[in-house]
């Protein structure tokens, strides 16, 4: 969310068990007049207990970014694939043909050196 909001990357990870949402002004080329874009962004954590929460937001969605932790993907590939399939086959997504971006990220582990 920080990257979209202000072009910076946030160091570290914050685990959440609730959806996070906010209005963001996208970091666009500000040299061109009228190029400011505000979007309502919702981050729904991928924990299986939170899957029903996504249903609240899908009918209003203009796009979906499905983020997968590349480090944890292999042990969880079946669950992640099934969740992605469930999202894509929901009537609210299929009917509106909501665009989807699947993004694989690699969480960095910071180690102290002595």
C-alpha atoms as a PDB file:
ATOM      1  CA  UNK A   1       0.000   0.000   0.000  1.00  0.00           C
ATOM      2  CA  UNK A   2       2.870   2.373   0.763  1.00  0.00           C
ATOM      3  CA  UNK A   3       4.309   1.890  -2.726  1.00  0.00           C
ATOM      4  CA  UNK A   4       1.018   2.933  -4.318  1.00  0.00           C
ATOM      5  CA  UNK A   5       0.431   5.782  -1.913  1.00  0.00           C
ATOM      6  CA  UNK A   6       3.750   7.592  -1.975  1.00  0.00           C
ATOM      7  CA  UNK A   7       6.216   5.584  -4.039  1.00  0.00           C
ATOM      8  CA  UNK A   8       8.177   4.348  -1.020  1.00  0.00           C
ATOM      9  CA  UNK A   9       8.634   0.819   0.187  1.00  0.00           C
ATOM     10  CA  UNK A  10       7.851  -0.006   3.782  1.00  0.00           C
ATOM     11  CA  UNK A  11      10.525  -1.937   5.643  1.00  0.00           C
ATOM     12  CA  UNK A  12       9.203  -4.849   7.620  1.00  0.00           C
ATOM     13  CA  UNK A  13       5.931  -6.713   7.704  1.00  0.00           C
ATOM     14  CA  UNK A  14       2.840  -6.122   9.765  1.00  0.00           C
ATOM     15  CA  UNK A  15       0.552  -9.122  10.131  1.00  0.00           C
ATOM     16  CA  UNK A  16      -3.109  -8.219  10.204  1.00  0.00           C
ATOM     17  CA  UNK A  17      -6.231 -10.239  10.861  1.00  0.00           C
ATOM     18  CA  UNK A  18      -8.568  -7.505   9.638  1.00  0.00           C
ATOM     19  CA  UNK A  19      -8.934  -5.861   6.240  1.00  0.00           C
ATOM     20  CA  UNK A  20      -7.112  -2.550   5.909  1.00  0.00           C
ATOM     21  CA  UNK A  21      -8.502   0.125   3.651  1.00  0.00           C
ATOM     22  CA  UNK A  22      -7.927   3.697   2.737  1.00  0.00           C
ATOM     23  CA  UNK A  23      -8.076   6.343   0.048  1.00  0.00           C
ATOM     24  CA  UNK A  24      -4.804   6.896  -1.733  1.00  0.00           C
ATOM     25  CA  UNK A  25      -3.559   9.456  -4.179  1.00  0.00           C
ATOM     26  CA  UNK A  26      -1.506   7.459  -6.641  1.00  0.00           C
ATOM     27  CA  UNK A  27       2.089   8.503  -7.191  1.00  0.00           C
ATOM     28  CA  UNK A  28       1.772   9.580 -10.830  1.00  0.00           C
ATOM     29  CA  UNK A  29       3.703  11.980 -13.015  1.00  0.00           C
ATOM     30  CA  UNK A  30       2.703  15.251 -11.354  1.00  0.00           C
ATOM     31  CA  UNK A  31       4.264  17.390 -14.110  1.00  0.00           C
ATOM     32  CA  UNK A  32       1.114  16.827 -16.177  1.00  0.00           C
ATOM     33  CA  UNK A  33      -1.921  18.773 -14.985  1.00  0.00           C
ATOM     34  CA  UNK A  34      -5.003  16.747 -14.106  1.00  0.00           C
ATOM     35  CA  UNK A  35      -3.102  13.486 -13.627  1.00  0.00           C
ATOM     36  CA  UNK A  36      -3.917  13.004  -9.936  1.00  0.00           C
ATOM     37  CA  UNK A  37      -5.889   9.816  -9.282  1.00  0.00           C
ATOM     38  CA  UNK A  38      -7.473   8.835  -5.969  1.00  0.00           C
ATOM     39  CA  UNK A  39      -8.337   5.181  -5.405  1.00  0.00           C
ATOM     40  CA  UNK A  40     -10.032   3.264  -2.614  1.00  0.00           C
ATOM     41  CA  UNK A  41      -7.719   0.367  -1.803  1.00  0.00           C
ATOM     42  CA  UNK A  42      -8.630  -2.595   0.401  1.00  0.00           C
ATOM     43  CA  UNK A  43      -6.062  -5.109   1.663  1.00  0.00           C
ATOM     44  CA  UNK A  44      -7.763  -8.320   2.769  1.00  0.00           C
ATOM     45  CA  UNK A  45      -5.273 -10.685   4.452  1.00  0.00           C
ATOM     46  CA  UNK A  46      -5.091 -14.166   2.961  1.00  0.00           C
ATOM     47  CA  UNK A  47      -5.708 -16.156   6.129  1.00  0.00           C
ATOM     48  CA  UNK A  48      -8.413 -18.752   5.483  1.00  0.00           C
ATOM     49  CA  UNK A  49     -10.584 -17.420   8.321  1.00  0.00           C
ATOM     50  CA  UNK A  50     -10.756 -14.083   6.502  1.00  0.00           C
ATOM     51  CA  UNK A  51     -11.801 -15.385   3.074  1.00  0.00           C
ATOM     52  CA  UNK A  52     -15.488 -14.505   3.707  1.00  0.00           C
ATOM     53  CA  UNK A  53     -14.471 -10.873   4.372  1.00  0.00           C
ATOM     54  CA  UNK A  54     -13.398 -10.558   0.739  1.00  0.00           C
ATOM     55  CA  UNK A  55     -16.994 -11.173  -0.371  1.00  0.00           C
ATOM     56  CA  UNK A  56     -17.989  -7.842   1.191  1.00  0.00           C
ATOM     57  CA  UNK A  57     -15.680  -5.936  -1.163  1.00  0.00           C
ATOM     58  CA  UNK A  58     -15.794  -7.880  -4.448  1.00  0.00           C
ATOM     59  CA  UNK A  59     -19.095  -6.453  -5.748  1.00  0.00           C
ATOM     60  CA  UNK A  60     -17.547  -2.943  -5.674  1.00  0.00           C
ATOM     61  CA  UNK A  61     -14.096  -3.954  -6.936  1.00  0.00           C
ATOM     62  CA  UNK A  62     -12.661  -2.422 -10.092  1.00  0.00           C
ATOM     63  CA  UNK A  63      -9.599  -4.678  -9.950  1.00  0.00           C
ATOM     64  CA  UNK A  64      -7.941  -7.374  -7.872  1.00  0.00           C
ATOM     65  CA  UNK A  65      -4.286  -7.743  -6.936  1.00  0.00           C
ATOM     66  CA  UNK A  66      -3.697 -11.281  -5.664  1.00  0.00           C
ATOM     67  CA  UNK A  67      -0.413 -11.216  -3.726  1.00  0.00           C
ATOM     68  CA  UNK A  68       1.443 -14.460  -3.017  1.00  0.00           C
ATOM     69  CA  UNK A  69       4.484 -14.884  -0.767  1.00  0.00           C
ATOM     70  CA  UNK A  70       6.939 -16.619  -3.098  1.00  0.00           C
ATOM     71  CA  UNK A  71       8.918 -18.075  -0.185  1.00  0.00           C
ATOM     72  CA  UNK A  72       5.835 -19.739   1.293  1.00  0.00           C
ATOM     73  CA  UNK A  73       4.222 -20.650  -2.038  1.00  0.00           C
ATOM     74  CA  UNK A  74       5.442 -24.233  -2.467  1.00  0.00           C
ATOM     75  CA  UNK A  75       4.237 -25.479   0.916  1.00  0.00           C
ATOM     76  CA  UNK A  76       0.939 -23.645   0.389  1.00  0.00           C
ATOM     77  CA  UNK A  77       0.492 -23.833  -3.387  1.00  0.00           C
ATOM     78  CA  UNK A  78      -2.633 -25.974  -3.255  1.00  0.00           C
ATOM     79  CA  UNK A  79      -4.433 -23.696  -0.789  1.00  0.00           C
ATOM     80  CA  UNK A  80      -3.337 -20.544  -2.643  1.00  0.00           C
ATOM     81  CA  UNK A  81      -4.405 -21.982  -6.002  1.00  0.00           C
ATOM     82  CA  UNK A  82      -7.787 -23.042  -4.657  1.00  0.00           C
ATOM     83  CA  UNK A  83      -8.338 -19.609  -3.118  1.00  0.00           C
ATOM     84  CA  UNK A  84      -7.433 -17.891  -6.391  1.00  0.00           C
ATOM     85  CA  UNK A  85      -9.813 -20.202  -8.260  1.00  0.00           C
ATOM     86  CA  UNK A  86     -12.582 -19.432  -5.752  1.00  0.00           C
ATOM     87  CA  UNK A  87     -12.044 -15.695  -6.205  1.00  0.00           C
ATOM     88  CA  UNK A  88     -12.023 -15.902 -10.008  1.00  0.00           C
ATOM     89  CA  UNK A  89     -15.174 -18.016 -10.187  1.00  0.00           C
ATOM     90  CA  UNK A  90     -17.285 -15.865  -7.872  1.00  0.00           C
ATOM     91  CA  UNK A  91     -20.270 -14.485  -9.773  1.00  0.00           C
ATOM     92  CA  UNK A  92     -19.421 -10.887  -8.802  1.00  0.00           C
ATOM     93  CA  UNK A  93     -15.955 -11.252 -10.365  1.00  0.00           C
ATOM     94  CA  UNK A  94     -16.797 -13.346 -13.436  1.00  0.00           C
ATOM     95  CA  UNK A  95     -19.854 -11.306 -14.426  1.00  0.00           C
ATOM     96  CA  UNK A  96     -18.017  -7.965 -14.257  1.00  0.00           C
ATOM     97  CA  UNK A  97     -14.816  -9.460 -15.741  1.00  0.00           C
ATOM     98  CA  UNK A  98     -12.787  -7.747 -13.029  1.00  0.00           C
ATOM     99  CA  UNK A  99      -9.117  -7.522 -14.052  1.00  0.00           C
ATOM    100  CA  UNK A 100      -6.661  -9.447 -11.893  1.00  0.00           C
ATOM    101  CA  UNK A 101      -2.943  -9.009 -11.295  1.00  0.00           C
ATOM    102  CA  UNK A 102      -1.167 -11.873  -9.576  1.00  0.00           C
ATOM    103  CA  UNK A 103       1.976 -10.691  -7.824  1.00  0.00           C
ATOM    104  CA  UNK A 104       4.610 -12.869  -6.208  1.00  0.00           C
ATOM    105  CA  UNK A 105       6.665 -11.178  -3.521  1.00  0.00           C
ATOM    106  CA  UNK A 106       9.653 -12.375  -1.576  1.00  0.00           C
ATOM    107  CA  UNK A 107       9.699 -11.384   2.057  1.00  0.00           C
ATOM    108  CA  UNK A 108      13.134 -10.347   3.162  1.00  0.00           C
ATOM    109  CA  UNK A 109      14.442 -11.708   6.416  1.00  0.00           C
ATOM    110  CA  UNK A 110      16.668  -9.237   8.214  1.00  0.00           C
ATOM    111  CA  UNK A 111      19.462 -10.821  10.246  1.00  0.00           C
ATOM    112  CA  UNK A 112      21.672  -9.052  12.733  1.00  0.00           C
ATOM    113  CA  UNK A 113      25.381  -9.320  12.125  1.00  0.00           C
ATOM    114  CA  UNK A 114      27.758  -9.340  15.048  1.00  0.00           C
END
